[in-house]
C-alpha atoms as a PDB file:
ATOM      1  CA  MET A   1     -36.475 -25.625 -13.906  1.00  0.00           C
ATOM      2  CA  PRO A   2     -33.165 -24.944 -12.147  1.00  0.00           C
ATOM      3  CA  ARG A   3     -32.187 -26.434  -8.832  1.00  0.00           C
ATOM      4  CA  TYR A   4     -30.252 -24.693  -6.086  1.00  0.00           C
ATOM      5  CA  ALA A   5     -27.216 -25.551  -3.985  1.00  0.00           C
ATOM      6  CA  GLN A   6     -25.100 -24.135  -1.196  1.00  0.00           C
ATOM      7  CA  ILE A   7     -21.485 -25.313  -0.992  1.00  0.00           C
ATOM      8  CA  VAL A   8     -20.833 -24.934   2.748  1.00  0.00           C
ATOM      9  CA  MET A   9     -17.093 -24.460   3.254  1.00  0.00           C
ATOM     10  CA  GLY A  10     -14.667 -23.286   5.897  1.00  0.00           C
ATOM     11  CA  PRO A  11     -11.814 -24.424   8.131  1.00  0.00           C
ATOM     12  CA  ALA A  12     -12.250 -27.334  10.532  1.00  0.00           C
ATOM     13  CA  GLY A  13     -14.270 -26.215  13.553  1.00  0.00           C
ATOM     14  CA  SER A  14     -15.833 -23.210  11.818  1.00  0.00           C
ATOM     15  CA  GLY A  15     -19.346 -24.568  12.355  1.00  0.00           C
ATOM     16  CA  LYS A  16     -20.293 -26.004   8.958  1.00  0.00           C
ATOM     17  CA  SER A  17     -22.455 -28.844  10.287  1.00  0.00           C
ATOM     18  CA  THR A  18     -24.034 -26.524  12.870  1.00  0.00           C
ATOM     19  CA  TYR A  19     -24.808 -24.060  10.087  1.00  0.00           C
ATOM     20  CA  CYS A  20     -26.492 -26.793   8.020  1.00  0.00           C
ATOM     21  CA  SER A  21     -28.518 -27.873  11.050  1.00  0.00           C
ATOM     22  CA  THR A  22     -29.548 -24.265  11.725  1.00  0.00           C
ATOM     23  CA  ILE A  23     -30.685 -23.695   8.137  1.00  0.00           C
ATOM     24  CA  VAL A  24     -32.631 -26.986   8.084  1.00  0.00           C
ATOM     25  CA  LYS A  25     -34.481 -26.133  11.312  1.00  0.00           C
ATOM     26  CA  HIS A  26     -35.148 -22.571  10.201  1.00  0.00           C
ATOM     27  CA  CYS A  27     -36.562 -23.733   6.860  1.00  0.00           C
ATOM     28  CA  GLU A  28     -38.789 -26.246   8.641  1.00  0.00           C
ATOM     29  CA  CYS A  29     -40.238 -23.381  10.673  1.00  0.00           C
ATOM     30  CA  ILE A  30     -41.014 -21.288   7.578  1.00  0.00           C
ATOM     31  CA  GLY A  31     -42.377 -24.188   5.533  1.00  0.00           C
ATOM     32  CA  ARG A  32     -39.429 -24.698   3.180  1.00  0.00           C
ATOM     33  CA  THR A  33     -37.749 -27.999   2.472  1.00  0.00           C
ATOM     34  CA  VAL A  34     -33.995 -28.273   2.168  1.00  0.00           C
ATOM     35  CA  HIS A  35     -31.833 -31.377   2.097  1.00  0.00           C
ATOM     36  CA  VAL A  36     -28.273 -31.858   3.299  1.00  0.00           C
ATOM     37  CA  ILE A  37     -25.686 -34.062   1.615  1.00  0.00           C
ATOM     38  CA  ASN A  38     -22.548 -34.824   3.603  1.00  0.00           C
ATOM     39  CA  LEU A  39     -19.359 -34.591   1.555  1.00  0.00           C
ATOM     40  CA  ASP A  40     -16.962 -34.985   4.483  1.00  0.00           C
ATOM     41  CA  PRO A  41     -15.604 -38.562   4.437  1.00  0.00           C
ATOM     42  CA  ALA A  42     -14.175 -38.048   7.936  1.00  0.00           C
ATOM     43  CA  ALA A  43     -17.395 -36.833   9.592  1.00  0.00           C
ATOM     44  CA  GLU A  44     -18.757 -38.796  12.526  1.00  0.00           C
ATOM     45  CA  TYR A  45     -21.853 -37.077  13.950  1.00  0.00           C
ATOM     46  CA  PHE A  46     -24.770 -35.046  12.602  1.00  0.00           C
ATOM     47  CA  ASP A  47     -27.748 -33.582  14.431  1.00  0.00           C
ATOM     48  CA  TYR A  48     -29.799 -33.256  11.242  1.00  0.00           C
ATOM     49  CA  PRO A  49     -31.118 -35.857   8.771  1.00  0.00           C
ATOM     50  CA  LEU A  50     -28.816 -36.626   5.856  1.00  0.00           C
ATOM     51  CA  TYR A  51     -30.270 -37.062   2.394  1.00  0.00           C
ATOM     52  CA  ALA A  52     -27.032 -38.688   1.212  1.00  0.00           C
ATOM     53  CA  ASP A  53     -23.639 -39.390   2.733  1.00  0.00           C
ATOM     54  CA  ILE A  54     -20.301 -39.658   0.913  1.00  0.00           C
ATOM     55  CA  ARG A  55     -19.258 -42.291   3.477  1.00  0.00           C
ATOM     56  CA  GLU A  56     -21.584 -44.666   1.640  1.00  0.00           C
ATOM     57  CA  LEU A  57     -19.173 -44.296  -1.289  1.00  0.00           C
ATOM     58  CA  ILE A  58     -15.878 -43.992   0.588  1.00  0.00           C
ATOM     59  CA  SER A  59     -14.648 -42.932   4.026  1.00  0.00           C
ATOM     60  CA  VAL A  60     -11.306 -41.830   5.443  1.00  0.00           C
ATOM     61  CA  GLU A  61     -11.177 -45.078   7.409  1.00  0.00           C
ATOM     62  CA  ASP A  62     -11.372 -47.003   4.130  1.00  0.00           C
ATOM     63  CA  ALA A  63      -8.381 -45.090   2.743  1.00  0.00           C
ATOM     64  CA  MET A  64      -6.301 -45.318   5.923  1.00  0.00           C
ATOM     65  CA  GLU A  65      -6.919 -49.040   6.392  1.00  0.00           C
ATOM     66  CA  ASP A  66      -5.809 -49.864   2.852  1.00  0.00           C
ATOM     67  CA  GLU A  67      -2.273 -51.163   3.378  1.00  0.00           C
ATOM     68  CA  SER A  68      -1.300 -50.394  -0.201  1.00  0.00           C
ATOM     69  CA  LEU A  69      -1.992 -46.667   0.242  1.00  0.00           C
ATOM     70  CA  HIS A  70      -0.318 -45.878   3.606  1.00  0.00           C
ATOM     71  CA  PHE A  71      -2.318 -42.668   4.072  1.00  0.00           C
ATOM     72  CA  GLY A  72      -2.650 -40.596   7.226  1.00  0.00           C
ATOM     73  CA  PRO A  73      -5.827 -38.592   8.013  1.00  0.00           C
ATOM     74  CA  ASN A  74      -5.146 -35.644   5.693  1.00  0.00           C
ATOM     75  CA  GLY A  75      -3.808 -37.713   2.816  1.00  0.00           C
ATOM     76  CA  GLY A  76      -6.709 -40.123   3.236  1.00  0.00           C
ATOM     77  CA  LEU A  77      -9.243 -37.301   3.060  1.00  0.00           C
ATOM     78  CA  VAL A  78      -7.723 -35.835  -0.098  1.00  0.00           C
ATOM     79  CA  PHE A  79      -7.681 -39.318  -1.652  1.00  0.00           C
ATOM     80  CA  CYS A  80     -11.370 -39.768  -0.761  1.00  0.00           C
ATOM     81  CA  MET A  81     -12.320 -36.458  -2.368  1.00  0.00           C
ATOM     82  CA  GLU A  82     -10.367 -37.273  -5.529  1.00  0.00           C
ATOM     83  CA  TYR A  83     -12.073 -40.680  -5.628  1.00  0.00           C
ATOM     84  CA  PHE A  84     -15.399 -38.887  -5.230  1.00  0.00           C
ATOM     85  CA  ALA A  85     -14.557 -36.612  -8.185  1.00  0.00           C
ATOM     86  CA  GLN A  86     -13.953 -39.709 -10.301  1.00  0.00           C
ATOM     87  CA  ASN A  87     -17.349 -41.109  -9.277  1.00  0.00           C
ATOM     88  CA  PHE A  88     -19.769 -38.204  -9.679  1.00  0.00           C
ATOM     89  CA  ASP A  89     -22.228 -40.773 -11.032  1.00  0.00           C
ATOM     90  CA  TRP A  90     -22.881 -41.734  -7.404  1.00  0.00           C
ATOM     91  CA  LEU A  91     -23.920 -38.149  -6.622  1.00  0.00           C
ATOM     92  CA  PHE A  92     -26.054 -37.954  -9.758  1.00  0.00           C
ATOM     93  CA  GLU A  93     -27.969 -41.044  -8.629  1.00  0.00           C
ATOM     94  CA  GLN A  94     -28.598 -39.456  -5.225  1.00  0.00           C
ATOM     95  CA  LEU A  95     -29.798 -36.187  -6.750  1.00  0.00           C
ATOM     96  CA  ASP A  96     -31.842 -37.834  -9.481  1.00  0.00           C
ATOM     97  CA  ASP A  97     -34.468 -38.984  -6.984  1.00  0.00           C
ATOM     98  CA  LEU A  98     -34.597 -35.624  -5.204  1.00  0.00           C
ATOM     99  CA  GLU A  99     -38.103 -34.143  -5.242  1.00  0.00           C
ATOM    100  CA  ASP A 100     -37.205 -30.808  -3.656  1.00  0.00           C
ATOM    101  CA  ASP A 101     -34.743 -28.527  -5.376  1.00  0.00           C
ATOM    102  CA  TYR A 102     -32.636 -26.959  -2.579  1.00  0.00           C
ATOM    103  CA  VAL A 103     -29.536 -28.779  -1.316  1.00  0.00           C
ATOM    104  CA  LEU A 104     -26.812 -27.958   1.205  1.00  0.00           C
ATOM    105  CA  PHE A 105     -23.482 -29.688   0.659  1.00  0.00           C
ATOM    106  CA  ASP A 106     -21.632 -30.029   3.974  1.00  0.00           C
ATOM    107  CA  CYS A 107     -17.992 -30.067   2.871  1.00  0.00           C
ATOM    108  CA  PRO A 108     -14.678 -31.013   4.520  1.00  0.00           C
ATOM    109  CA  GLY A 109     -12.579 -28.431   6.336  1.00  0.00           C
ATOM    110  CA  GLN A 110      -9.209 -28.954   4.615  1.00  0.00           C
ATOM    111  CA  ILE A 111      -8.441 -25.564   3.077  1.00  0.00           C
ATOM    112  CA  GLU A 112      -6.331 -27.035   0.271  1.00  0.00           C
ATOM    113  CA  LEU A 113      -9.528 -28.438  -1.280  1.00  0.00           C
ATOM    114  CA  TYR A 114     -10.595 -24.855  -2.059  1.00  0.00           C
ATOM    115  CA  THR A 115      -7.224 -23.454  -3.094  1.00  0.00           C
ATOM    116  CA  HIS A 116      -4.993 -25.653  -5.241  1.00  0.00           C
ATOM    117  CA  ILE A 117      -6.692 -29.079  -5.369  1.00  0.00           C
ATOM    118  CA  PRO A 118      -9.346 -28.953  -8.140  1.00  0.00           C
ATOM    119  CA  VAL A 119     -11.931 -31.291  -6.550  1.00  0.00           C
ATOM    120  CA  MET A 120     -14.381 -28.638  -5.319  1.00  0.00           C
ATOM    121  CA  LYS A 121     -14.136 -26.688  -8.560  1.00  0.00           C
ATOM    122  CA  GLN A 122     -14.925 -29.905 -10.436  1.00  0.00           C
ATOM    123  CA  LEU A 123     -17.925 -30.443  -8.149  1.00  0.00           C
ATOM    124  CA  VAL A 124     -19.226 -26.927  -8.806  1.00  0.00           C
ATOM    125  CA  ASP A 125     -18.813 -27.349 -12.567  1.00  0.00           C
ATOM    126  CA  GLN A 126     -20.652 -30.686 -12.443  1.00  0.00           C
ATOM    127  CA  LEU A 127     -23.536 -29.253 -10.418  1.00  0.00           C
ATOM    128  CA  GLN A 128     -23.879 -26.383 -12.867  1.00  0.00           C
ATOM    129  CA  HIS A 129     -23.905 -28.907 -15.701  1.00  0.00           C
ATOM    130  CA  TRP A 130     -26.818 -30.585 -13.901  1.00  0.00           C
ATOM    131  CA  ASN A 131     -28.654 -27.224 -13.905  1.00  0.00           C
ATOM    132  CA  PHE A 132     -27.895 -26.228 -10.313  1.00  0.00           C
ATOM    133  CA  ARG A 133     -27.429 -22.603  -9.357  1.00  0.00           C
ATOM    134  CA  VAL A 134     -24.595 -22.707  -6.852  1.00  0.00           C
ATOM    135  CA  CYS A 135     -23.587 -20.347  -4.057  1.00  0.00           C
ATOM    136  CA  GLY A 136     -20.407 -20.761  -2.040  1.00  0.00           C
ATOM    137  CA  VAL A 137     -20.908 -20.158   1.690  1.00  0.00           C
ATOM    138  CA  PHE A 138     -17.564 -19.696   3.435  1.00  0.00           C
ATOM    139  CA  LEU A 139     -17.666 -19.869   7.231  1.00  0.00           C
ATOM    140  CA  ILE A 140     -15.142 -18.446   9.692  1.00  0.00           C
ATOM    141  CA  ASP A 141     -15.404 -18.714  13.479  1.00  0.00           C
ATOM    142  CA  SER A 142     -16.044 -15.166  14.765  1.00  0.00           C
ATOM    143  CA  GLN A 143     -13.800 -15.909  17.748  1.00  0.00           C
ATOM    144  CA  PHE A 144     -10.982 -16.354  15.219  1.00  0.00           C
ATOM    145  CA  LEU A 145     -11.652 -12.957  13.623  1.00  0.00           C
ATOM    146  CA  ASN A 146     -11.268 -10.788  16.705  1.00  0.00           C
ATOM    147  CA  GLU A 147      -7.701  -9.740  15.855  1.00  0.00           C
ATOM    148  CA  ALA A 148      -6.545  -7.838  12.784  1.00  0.00           C
ATOM    149  CA  THR A 149      -3.915 -10.391  11.753  1.00  0.00           C
ATOM    150  CA  LYS A 150      -6.355 -13.297  12.052  1.00  0.00           C
ATOM    151  CA  PHE A 151      -9.000 -11.267  10.243  1.00  0.00           C
ATOM    152  CA  VAL A 152      -6.673 -10.686   7.279  1.00  0.00           C
ATOM    153  CA  SER A 153      -5.830 -14.397   7.280  1.00  0.00           C
ATOM    154  CA  GLY A 154      -9.565 -15.218   7.168  1.00  0.00           C
ATOM    155  CA  ILE A 155     -10.072 -12.745   4.324  1.00  0.00           C
ATOM    156  CA  LEU A 156      -7.326 -14.358   2.254  1.00  0.00           C
ATOM    157  CA  SER A 157      -8.738 -17.853   2.854  1.00  0.00           C
ATOM    158  CA  ALA A 158     -12.216 -16.722   1.793  1.00  0.00           C
ATOM    159  CA  LEU A 159     -10.813 -14.864  -1.199  1.00  0.00           C
ATOM    160  CA  SER A 160      -8.860 -17.924  -2.327  1.00  0.00           C
ATOM    161  CA  ALA A 161     -12.011 -20.079  -2.247  1.00  0.00           C
ATOM    162  CA  MET A 162     -14.056 -17.413  -4.025  1.00  0.00           C
ATOM    163  CA  VAL A 163     -11.539 -16.999  -6.849  1.00  0.00           C
ATOM    164  CA  ASN A 164     -11.080 -20.745  -7.255  1.00  0.00           C
ATOM    165  CA  LEU A 165     -14.760 -21.723  -7.395  1.00  0.00           C
ATOM    166  CA  GLU A 166     -16.007 -18.778  -9.500  1.00  0.00           C
ATOM    167  CA  VAL A 167     -19.575 -18.793  -8.159  1.00  0.00           C
ATOM    168  CA  PRO A 168     -21.638 -16.301  -6.118  1.00  0.00           C
ATOM    169  CA  HIS A 169     -20.059 -16.215  -2.683  1.00  0.00           C
ATOM    170  CA  ILE A 170     -21.221 -15.266   0.827  1.00  0.00           C
ATOM    171  CA  ASN A 171     -18.800 -15.077   3.771  1.00  0.00           C
ATOM    172  CA  VAL A 172     -20.284 -15.738   7.197  1.00  0.00           C
ATOM    173  CA  MET A 173     -18.979 -15.128  10.719  1.00  0.00           C
ATOM    174  CA  THR A 174     -20.300 -18.008  12.801  1.00  0.00           C
ATOM    175  CA  LYS A 175     -20.705 -18.552  16.553  1.00  0.00           C
ATOM    176  CA  VAL A 176     -21.526 -14.898  17.226  1.00  0.00           C
ATOM    177  CA  ASP A 177     -23.947 -16.089  19.912  1.00  0.00           C
ATOM    178  CA  LEU A 178     -20.987 -17.531  21.848  1.00  0.00           C
ATOM    179  CA  LEU A 179     -19.136 -14.215  22.104  1.00  0.00           C
ATOM    180  CA  SER A 180     -19.082 -12.097  25.234  1.00  0.00           C
ATOM    181  CA  LYS A 181     -20.656  -8.619  25.134  1.00  0.00           C
ATOM    182  CA  LYS A 182     -17.203  -7.060  24.919  1.00  0.00           C
ATOM    183  CA  ALA A 183     -16.186  -9.369  22.067  1.00  0.00           C
ATOM    184  CA  LYS A 184     -19.440  -8.651  20.183  1.00  0.00           C
ATOM    185  CA  LYS A 185     -18.800  -4.926  20.462  1.00  0.00           C
ATOM    186  CA  ASN A 186     -15.250  -5.388  19.202  1.00  0.00           C
ATOM    187  CA  LEU A 187     -16.523  -7.549  16.340  1.00  0.00           C
ATOM    188  CA  GLU A 188     -18.376  -4.571  14.871  1.00  0.00           C
ATOM    189  CA  ARG A 189     -15.016  -3.178  13.778  1.00  0.00           C
ATOM    190  CA  TYR A 190     -14.643  -6.121  11.401  1.00  0.00           C
ATOM    191  CA  LEU A 191     -18.062  -5.928   9.729  1.00  0.00           C
ATOM    192  CA  GLU A 192     -17.298  -2.651   7.949  1.00  0.00           C
ATOM    193  CA  PRO A 193     -13.536  -2.659   8.466  1.00  0.00           C
ATOM    194  CA  ASP A 194     -10.974  -0.008   7.713  1.00  0.00           C
ATOM    195  CA  LEU A 195      -8.144  -2.466   7.201  1.00  0.00           C
ATOM    196  CA  HIS A 196      -5.441   0.186   7.109  1.00  0.00           C
ATOM    197  CA  ALA A 197      -6.571   1.536  10.486  1.00  0.00           C
ATOM    198  CA  LEU A 198      -6.863  -1.962  11.983  1.00  0.00           C
ATOM    199  CA  LEU A 199      -3.383  -2.903  10.855  1.00  0.00           C
ATOM    200  CA  ASP A 200      -1.971   0.398  12.067  1.00  0.00           C
ATOM    201  CA  GLU A 201      -3.467  -0.156  15.519  1.00  0.00           C
ATOM    202  CA  GLU A 202      -2.745  -3.837  16.027  1.00  0.00           C
ATOM    203  CA  VAL A 203       0.075  -4.882  13.740  1.00  0.00           C
ATOM    204  CA  GLU A 204       2.489  -2.285  12.531  1.00  0.00           C
ATOM    205  CA  HIS A 205       3.742  -1.274  15.974  1.00  0.00           C
ATOM    206  CA  LYS A 206       4.549  -4.957  16.644  1.00  0.00           C
ATOM    207  CA  ILE A 207       6.295  -5.659  13.345  1.00  0.00           C
ATOM    208  CA  LYS A 208       9.771  -4.245  12.964  1.00  0.00           C
ATOM    209  CA  SER A 209      10.327  -5.452   9.402  1.00  0.00           C
ATOM    210  CA  ASN A 210       9.606  -2.771   6.824  1.00  0.00           C
ATOM    211  CA  LYS A 211       8.919  -5.464   4.205  1.00  0.00           C
ATOM    212  CA  PHE A 212       6.119  -7.040   6.283  1.00  0.00           C
ATOM    213  CA  GLN A 213       4.578  -3.641   6.946  1.00  0.00           C
ATOM    214  CA  LYS A 214       4.514  -2.951   3.210  1.00  0.00           C
ATOM    215  CA  LEU A 215       2.998  -6.402   2.583  1.00  0.00           C
ATOM    216  CA  ASN A 216       0.195  -5.747   5.090  1.00  0.00           C
ATOM    217  CA  THR A 217      -0.486  -2.358   3.505  1.00  0.00           C
ATOM    218  CA  ALA A 218      -0.612  -3.908   0.021  1.00  0.00           C
ATOM    219  CA  ILE A 219      -3.037  -6.640   1.126  1.00  0.00           C
ATOM    220  CA  ALA A 220      -5.297  -4.129   2.867  1.00  0.00           C
ATOM    221  CA  GLY A 221      -5.300  -1.894  -0.205  1.00  0.00           C
ATOM    222  CA  LEU A 222      -6.144  -4.783  -2.538  1.00  0.00           C
ATOM    223  CA  VAL A 223      -9.100  -5.955  -0.456  1.00  0.00           C
ATOM    224  CA  GLU A 224     -10.472  -2.462   0.189  1.00  0.00           C
ATOM    225  CA  ASP A 225      -9.969  -1.005  -3.290  1.00  0.00           C
ATOM    226  CA  TYR A 226     -11.849  -3.830  -5.009  1.00  0.00           C
ATOM    227  CA  SER A 227     -14.369  -4.564  -2.216  1.00  0.00           C
ATOM    228  CA  LEU A 228     -13.505  -8.223  -2.627  1.00  0.00           C
ATOM    229  CA  VAL A 229     -14.480  -9.688   0.756  1.00  0.00           C
ATOM    230  CA  LYS A 230     -17.084  -8.871   3.377  1.00  0.00           C
ATOM    231  CA  PHE A 231     -18.265 -10.980   6.304  1.00  0.00           C
ATOM    232  CA  PHE A 232     -21.811 -11.196   7.658  1.00  0.00           C
ATOM    233  CA  PRO A 233     -22.496 -12.253  11.273  1.00  0.00           C
ATOM    234  CA  LEU A 234     -24.643 -15.284  12.084  1.00  0.00           C
ATOM    235  CA  ASP A 235     -26.262 -15.675  15.500  1.00  0.00           C
ATOM    236  CA  ASN A 236     -27.857 -19.136  15.717  1.00  0.00           C
ATOM    237  CA  THR A 237     -30.181 -17.948  18.486  1.00  0.00           C
ATOM    238  CA  ASP A 238     -31.596 -15.076  16.411  1.00  0.00           C
ATOM    239  CA  GLU A 239     -34.133 -15.987  13.721  1.00  0.00           C
ATOM    240  CA  ASP A 240     -33.729 -12.580  12.062  1.00  0.00           C
ATOM    241  CA  SER A 241     -29.980 -13.161  11.725  1.00  0.00           C
ATOM    242  CA  ILE A 242     -30.591 -16.574  10.132  1.00  0.00           C
ATOM    243  CA  SER A 243     -33.237 -15.101   7.798  1.00  0.00           C
ATOM    244  CA  ASP A 244     -30.883 -12.336   6.673  1.00  0.00           C
ATOM    245  CA  ILE A 245     -28.130 -14.807   5.759  1.00  0.00           C
ATOM    246  CA  LEU A 246     -30.552 -17.112   3.923  1.00  0.00           C
ATOM    247  CA  LEU A 247     -32.074 -14.169   2.054  1.00  0.00           C
ATOM    248  CA  MET A 248     -28.656 -13.014   0.828  1.00  0.00           C
ATOM    249  CA  ILE A 249     -27.877 -16.503  -0.436  1.00  0.00           C
ATOM    250  CA  ASP A 250     -31.302 -16.881  -2.068  1.00  0.00           C
ATOM    251  CA  ASN A 251     -30.835 -13.550  -3.844  1.00  0.00           C
ATOM    252  CA  ALA A 252     -27.367 -14.583  -5.026  1.00  0.00           C
ATOM    253  CA  ILE A 253     -28.745 -17.690  -6.764  1.00  0.00           C
ATOM    254  CA  GLN A 254     -32.101 -16.091  -7.653  1.00  0.00           C
ATOM    255  CA  TYR A 255     -34.061 -18.588  -5.611  1.00  0.00           C
ATOM    256  CA  GLY A 256     -37.779 -17.835  -5.668  1.00  0.00           C
ATOM    257  CA  GLU A 257     -37.913 -16.077  -9.024  1.00  0.00           C
ATOM    258  CA  ASP A 258     -38.454 -19.324 -10.911  1.00  0.00           C
ATOM    259  CA  LEU A 259     -40.913 -20.491  -8.257  1.00  0.00           C
ATOM    260  CA  GLU A 260     -43.035 -17.402  -8.883  1.00  0.00           C
ATOM    261  CA  SER A 261     -42.941 -18.042 -12.651  1.00  0.00           C
ATOM    262  CA  LYS A 262     -43.869 -21.676 -12.036  1.00  0.00           C
ATOM    263  CA  GLU A 263     -46.836 -20.681  -9.857  1.00  0.00           C
ATOM    264  CA  ILE A 264     -48.049 -18.182 -12.468  1.00  0.00           C
ATOM    265  CA  LYS A 265     -47.746 -20.809 -15.204  1.00  0.00           C
ATOM    266  CA  GLU A 266     -49.661 -23.355 -13.097  1.00  0.00           C
ATOM    267  CA  ARG A 267     -52.455 -20.835 -12.433  1.00  0.00           C
ATOM    268  CA  GLU A 268     -52.669 -20.028 -16.139  1.00  0.00           C
ATOM    269  CA  GLU A 269     -52.903 -23.725 -16.975  1.00  0.00           C
ATOM    270  CA  GLU A 270     -55.642 -24.173 -14.366  1.00  0.00           C
ATOM    271  CA  ASP A 271     -57.550 -21.179 -15.766  1.00  0.00           C
ATOM    272  CA  THR A 272     -57.219 -22.558 -19.295  1.00  0.00           C
ATOM    273  CA  ALA A 273     -58.460 -25.953 -18.158  1.00  0.00           C
ATOM    274  CA  GLU A 274     -61.458 -24.357 -16.438  1.00  0.00           C
ATOM    275  CA  ASP A 275     -62.272 -22.275 -19.531  1.00  0.00           C
ATOM    276  CA  ASN A 276     -62.135 -25.400 -21.727  1.00  0.00           C
ATOM    277  CA  TYR A 277     -64.391 -27.220 -19.278  1.00  0.00           C
ATOM    278  CA  ASP A 278     -66.920 -24.348 -19.294  1.00  0.00           C
ATOM    279  CA  ASP A 279     -66.911 -24.235 -23.099  1.00  0.00           C
ATOM    280  CA  SER A 280     -67.658 -27.926 -23.274  1.00  0.00           C
END
């Protein structure tokens, strides 16, 4: 039977740990069990139980305190993730004892890990080798997406992660519950966006360079023509909003289909056992 995983990604401060906490609490309410594994070697606080923690293997403090390495925070984090990739056996041992089959991986916020450093791609490939169905969940702070230029920047970040990891991918606008009524109304423009119109309104009259205007138009056309990126809002105070996001992810990795087959098989085995008992 396959197992299931969410790779929870996004810039620092986008709400990855809060998202994991929200999903854990929501699943508890509906009778599902999910586990969270922390893959951020610089993390300090969690308000949900961790099934496993990369800091048991290596932490940023370990890398920074090593006098032979001379790493700062960012260099130390990249070193930790590369060390992690060389020691996937540690992760296999953690997952080998896992009774439930749904795992959230709370990942670091350094964007280079999802663009040109191969660590996260190696992780995805390893999980798939271990029979996990993986979905990338890319988070962006909705307060960051309330301007056209920032929105395009968020799209390109999400697109870079999606292309690099090559797995089903859901993009989520977080912290919608923290927006004002005016900001929430404005946010609707970015859920089904007309990028050309947004850029015309907010960008092109500010940019004098013809080359930059053409670049914006080309980016907007690429994203719209191929329907490459779409964001879905997440309100942590709204159970329906949480359910909708979880349902999209479950559908992307076909969660539940194998459970139904397993239940049918178990019922058939029980019926067969009962028939054999009656015959005897």
